[in-house]
Amino acid sequence: MKKLILLSTLTMKKLILILTLSSLLFSCSNGGNASNSNTPTTGNNVDYEFTITFNGQVNKVKGNTANGIPMGQAGPYSNGYSYINNRCYWIASNPYVLLSINDVSASNYISGQNINCQIMIQNALLGTCQGQQVLLTGGAFDSVATSLGAVVGAGWSVTNGSTHYSFNLPINITDLGTIPTTNLGFISGFGNTFKGNYSGTIYLPRGSSTGLIYDIPVQLSIDFKAVRLG
């Protein structure tokens, strides 16, 4: 009888040990799955976006390269990628950041009107860089500029002084991005986006008998996470 009780006790201890080990293994398995759930699902693609706010008017594009490369045109590309209307990209050797809304029906369109913003950034470094030849055109800017009495032509550049014409605006660069990986010359994966921003007052031109005077203040903010293509 004592042997039977001892045997039952040993059996119970083994059963408890087995259940404990099973519980630990199950817990580790769940932890692994939870960790995997944080893995990006976009593969070799990257999110991008820009927001340009001009006198309170918000113009925004946001998307992922899985749906196309935002180069401002539609059509096939290569290796499974295609072009998509509305631009949000930068090529260091170019060296313009190109941001635009060309097509409000495109999948990466969020809000605003047709716009075109070009910012030349030569020898980009982290921190404040001079954005040269900053060009703003399109309906989003023209409608606001006209309502304020500014002179609007085929295109005009912003200034950073009330009467002093300048092509430069200080752009704060927070990430230089990384160039995409390529295979036989074709893009096979995208790196980090090129990130920067500007916020301040610009001055639009007013016509006068002596020419243009840049004395119409407008609040402008630009924030971009542009796909780096080179």
Protein backbone atom coordinates (compact mmCIF):
# COMPACT_ATOMS: atom_id res chain seq x y z
CA MET A 1 0.00 0.00 0.00
CA LYS A 2 2.86 2.34 0.90
CA LYS A 3 4.58 1.50 -2.41
CA LEU A 4 1.39 2.36 -4.30
CA ILE A 5 1.08 5.71 -2.52
CA LEU A 6 4.78 6.47 -3.19
CA LEU A 7 4.37 5.55 -6.86
CA SER A 8 1.31 7.81 -7.18
CA THR A 9 3.23 10.68 -5.57
CA LEU A 10 6.14 10.27 -8.02
CA THR A 11 3.73 10.08 -10.94
CA MET A 12 2.03 13.33 -9.87
CA LYS A 13 5.39 15.09 -9.53
CA LYS A 14 6.35 14.00 -13.06
CA LEU A 15 3.01 15.20 -14.39
CA ILE A 16 3.42 18.59 -12.69
CA LEU A 17 6.96 18.89 -14.13
CA ILE A 18 5.72 18.07 -17.65
CA LEU A 19 2.89 20.63 -17.39
CA THR A 20 5.33 23.28 -16.11
CA LEU A 21 7.76 22.70 -18.99
CA SER A 22 4.89 22.73 -21.51
CA SER A 23 3.69 26.03 -20.08
CA LEU A 24 7.16 27.57 -20.42
CA LEU A 25 7.55 26.36 -23.98
CA PHE A 26 4.11 27.74 -24.91
CA SER A 27 4.99 31.07 -23.32
CA CYS A 28 8.23 31.32 -25.32
CA SER A 29 6.38 30.42 -28.49
CA ASN A 30 3.84 33.22 -27.90
CA GLY A 31 6.66 35.68 -27.21
CA GLY A 32 8.24 34.82 -30.55
CA ASN A 33 4.97 35.42 -32.39
CA ALA A 34 4.50 38.77 -30.64
CA SER A 35 7.99 39.79 -31.71
CA ASN A 36 7.30 38.79 -35.31
CA SER A 37 4.18 40.94 -35.30
CA ASN A 38 6.44 44.01 -35.15
CA THR A 39 8.18 43.07 -38.39
CA PRO A 40 7.47 45.62 -41.20
CA THR A 41 5.04 44.26 -43.76
CA THR A 42 6.12 46.61 -46.57
CA GLY A 43 9.16 44.54 -47.56
CA ASN A 44 11.65 46.61 -49.56
CA ASN A 45 9.31 49.60 -49.80
CA VAL A 46 9.17 52.83 -47.82
CA ASP A 47 6.56 55.32 -46.59
CA TYR A 48 6.84 58.90 -47.84
CA GLU A 49 4.88 62.14 -47.42
CA PHE A 50 4.94 65.90 -47.56
CA THR A 51 2.78 68.64 -46.12
CA ILE A 52 2.93 72.22 -47.39
CA THR A 53 0.80 74.73 -45.51
CA PHE A 54 0.44 78.08 -47.22
CA ASN A 55 -1.48 80.75 -45.30
CA GLY A 56 -3.51 78.02 -43.57
CA GLN A 57 -4.18 75.95 -46.70
CA VAL A 58 -2.93 72.38 -46.18
CA ASN A 59 -1.59 70.52 -49.22
CA LYS A 60 -0.60 66.94 -48.46
CA VAL A 61 0.60 63.77 -50.17
CA LYS A 62 1.22 60.47 -48.39
CA GLY A 63 1.91 56.99 -49.70
CA ASN A 64 4.18 53.96 -49.94
CA THR A 65 6.44 52.95 -52.83
CA ALA A 66 4.65 49.59 -52.95
CA ASN A 67 1.93 51.46 -54.86
CA GLY A 68 4.35 53.26 -57.17
CA ILE A 69 7.34 55.59 -57.20
CA PRO A 70 6.14 59.20 -56.66
CA MET A 71 7.79 60.83 -59.67
CA GLY A 72 4.88 62.88 -60.98
CA GLN A 73 3.83 60.69 -63.88
CA ALA A 74 1.89 57.50 -64.41
CA GLY A 75 3.16 54.43 -66.20
CA PRO A 76 5.19 51.23 -65.88
CA TYR A 77 8.67 51.16 -64.40
CA SER A 78 10.56 47.93 -63.64
CA ASN A 79 10.97 45.07 -61.18
CA GLY A 80 7.30 45.31 -60.23
CA TYR A 81 7.37 49.06 -59.60
CA SER A 82 5.40 51.68 -61.47
CA TYR A 83 5.35 55.47 -61.50
CA ILE A 84 2.62 57.36 -59.69
CA ASN A 85 1.40 60.92 -60.14
CA ASN A 86 2.32 63.50 -57.48
CA ARG A 87 6.01 63.90 -56.69
CA CYS A 88 7.89 63.39 -53.45
CA TYR A 89 11.51 62.50 -54.14
CA TRP A 90 15.12 63.66 -53.96
CA ILE A 91 18.24 62.79 -55.93
CA ALA A 92 21.42 64.10 -54.28
CA SER A 93 23.17 64.71 -57.60
CA ASN A 94 20.17 66.59 -59.03
CA PRO A 95 19.98 68.22 -56.33
CA TYR A 96 16.30 69.28 -56.09
CA VAL A 97 13.71 68.10 -53.61
CA LEU A 98 10.61 67.79 -55.80
CA LEU A 99 7.20 67.96 -54.15
CA SER A 100 4.01 68.31 -56.14
CA ILE A 101 0.33 67.53 -56.46
CA ASN A 102 -0.39 66.95 -60.14
CA ASP A 103 -3.37 64.63 -59.80
CA VAL A 104 -5.91 64.82 -56.97
CA SER A 105 -7.28 61.42 -58.03
CA ALA A 106 -3.95 59.65 -57.40
CA SER A 107 -3.80 57.18 -54.52
CA ASN A 108 -1.22 59.23 -52.59
CA TYR A 109 -3.25 62.46 -52.63
CA ILE A 110 -4.55 63.55 -49.21
CA SER A 111 -5.60 67.22 -49.40
CA GLY A 112 -5.11 70.56 -51.12
CA GLN A 113 -4.84 71.83 -54.69
CA ASN A 114 -2.39 71.40 -57.54
CA ILE A 115 1.02 72.67 -56.45
CA ASN A 116 4.68 72.46 -57.35
CA CYS A 117 7.50 73.03 -54.87
CA GLN A 118 11.15 72.75 -55.89
CA ILE A 119 13.96 73.24 -53.38
CA MET A 120 17.60 73.10 -54.43
CA ILE A 121 19.80 71.75 -51.64
CA GLN A 122 23.44 71.40 -52.62
CA ASN A 123 25.87 69.46 -50.42
CA ALA A 124 23.12 68.52 -47.98
CA LEU A 125 24.16 68.01 -44.35
CA LEU A 126 22.23 67.39 -41.16
CA GLY A 127 21.05 70.63 -39.60
CA THR A 128 20.20 73.90 -41.29
CA CYS A 129 21.01 74.07 -45.01
CA GLN A 130 20.27 76.82 -47.49
CA GLY A 131 17.41 75.87 -49.74
CA GLN A 132 18.27 77.69 -52.94
CA GLN A 133 16.01 78.56 -55.86
CA VAL A 134 12.88 77.72 -53.89
CA LEU A 135 10.12 77.76 -56.48
CA LEU A 136 6.42 77.67 -55.64
CA THR A 137 3.82 77.44 -58.41
CA GLY A 138 0.37 76.03 -59.05
CA GLY A 139 -3.23 76.72 -58.15
CA ALA A 140 -2.72 76.28 -54.40
CA PHE A 141 -0.32 79.22 -54.33
CA ASP A 142 -1.83 81.30 -57.11
CA SER A 143 -5.27 81.48 -55.50
CA VAL A 144 -3.87 82.67 -52.16
CA ALA A 145 -1.39 85.06 -53.76
CA THR A 146 -4.06 86.62 -55.97
CA SER A 147 -6.41 87.09 -53.01
CA LEU A 148 -3.64 88.99 -51.22
CA GLY A 149 -2.94 91.25 -54.20
CA ALA A 150 0.37 89.65 -55.12
CA VAL A 151 1.68 89.55 -58.69
CA VAL A 152 1.31 86.05 -60.11
CA GLY A 153 3.02 84.93 -63.29
CA ALA A 154 3.94 81.59 -64.80
CA GLY A 155 5.99 81.01 -61.67
CA TRP A 156 7.51 83.03 -58.87
CA SER A 157 10.00 82.42 -56.11
CA VAL A 158 9.59 83.22 -52.45
CA THR A 159 11.78 85.64 -50.52
CA ASN A 160 12.94 85.97 -46.94
CA GLY A 161 13.00 89.77 -46.74
CA SER A 162 10.33 92.46 -47.18
CA THR A 163 12.15 94.31 -49.98
CA HIS A 164 15.19 92.14 -50.55
CA TYR A 165 14.73 89.48 -53.21
CA SER A 166 16.31 86.15 -52.30
CA PHE A 167 16.17 82.58 -53.54
CA ASN A 168 17.20 81.14 -50.17
CA LEU A 169 15.23 79.66 -47.27
CA PRO A 170 16.80 77.81 -44.32
CA ILE A 171 15.78 74.15 -44.50
CA ASN A 172 16.25 71.98 -41.42
CA ILE A 173 17.52 68.55 -42.56
CA THR A 174 16.85 65.79 -40.02
CA ASP A 175 17.72 62.68 -42.08
CA LEU A 176 19.86 62.41 -45.20
CA GLY A 177 18.18 59.16 -46.13
CA THR A 178 19.86 56.22 -47.83
CA ILE A 179 20.13 55.42 -51.50
CA PRO A 180 18.04 52.51 -52.79
CA THR A 181 19.55 49.10 -53.45
CA THR A 182 19.74 48.11 -57.08
CA ASN A 183 19.99 44.95 -59.11
CA LEU A 184 21.36 45.20 -62.64
CA GLY A 185 20.68 48.93 -62.52
CA PHE A 186 17.07 48.59 -61.41
CA ILE A 187 15.72 49.51 -57.97
CA SER A 188 15.20 46.40 -55.85
CA GLY A 189 14.64 48.08 -52.46
CA PHE A 190 14.28 51.55 -50.95
CA GLY A 191 16.23 53.05 -48.05
CA ASN A 192 15.36 55.72 -45.51
CA THR A 193 13.62 58.86 -46.76
CA PHE A 194 15.29 62.27 -47.01
CA LYS A 195 13.65 64.38 -44.28
CA GLY A 196 13.49 68.12 -43.75
CA ASN A 197 11.28 71.05 -42.84
CA TYR A 198 10.87 74.81 -42.91
CA SER A 199 8.49 77.13 -41.08
CA GLY A 200 8.43 80.90 -41.25
CA THR A 201 7.25 84.04 -43.02
CA ILE A 202 7.84 84.64 -46.71
CA TYR A 203 7.05 87.75 -48.72
CA LEU A 204 5.21 87.86 -52.04
CA PRO A 205 5.67 90.55 -54.71
CA ARG A 206 3.41 93.56 -55.10
CA GLY A 207 3.47 95.58 -58.30
CA SER A 208 4.46 99.27 -58.17
CA SER A 209 5.52 102.04 -60.51
CA THR A 210 9.15 101.14 -59.85
CA GLY A 211 8.75 97.39 -60.23
CA LEU A 212 8.06 94.56 -57.80
CA ILE A 213 8.24 95.08 -54.07
CA TYR A 214 8.25 91.98 -51.88
CA ASP A 215 6.23 93.16 -48.90
CA ILE A 216 3.19 90.83 -48.64
CA PRO A 217 3.81 88.49 -45.66
CA VAL A 218 2.57 84.91 -45.85
CA GLN A 219 3.08 82.04 -43.42
CA LEU A 220 4.65 78.98 -45.03
CA SER A 221 5.55 75.59 -43.60
CA ILE A 222 7.06 72.70 -45.52
CA ASP A 223 7.63 69.24 -44.06
CA PHE A 224 8.81 66.36 -46.22
CA LYS A 225 9.90 62.74 -46.04
CA ALA A 226 10.98 62.30 -49.64
CA VAL A 227 11.95 59.05 -51.34
CA ARG A 228 15.68 59.12 -52.00
CA LEU A 229 16.41 57.89 -55.52
CA GLY A 230 20.15 58.54 -55.63
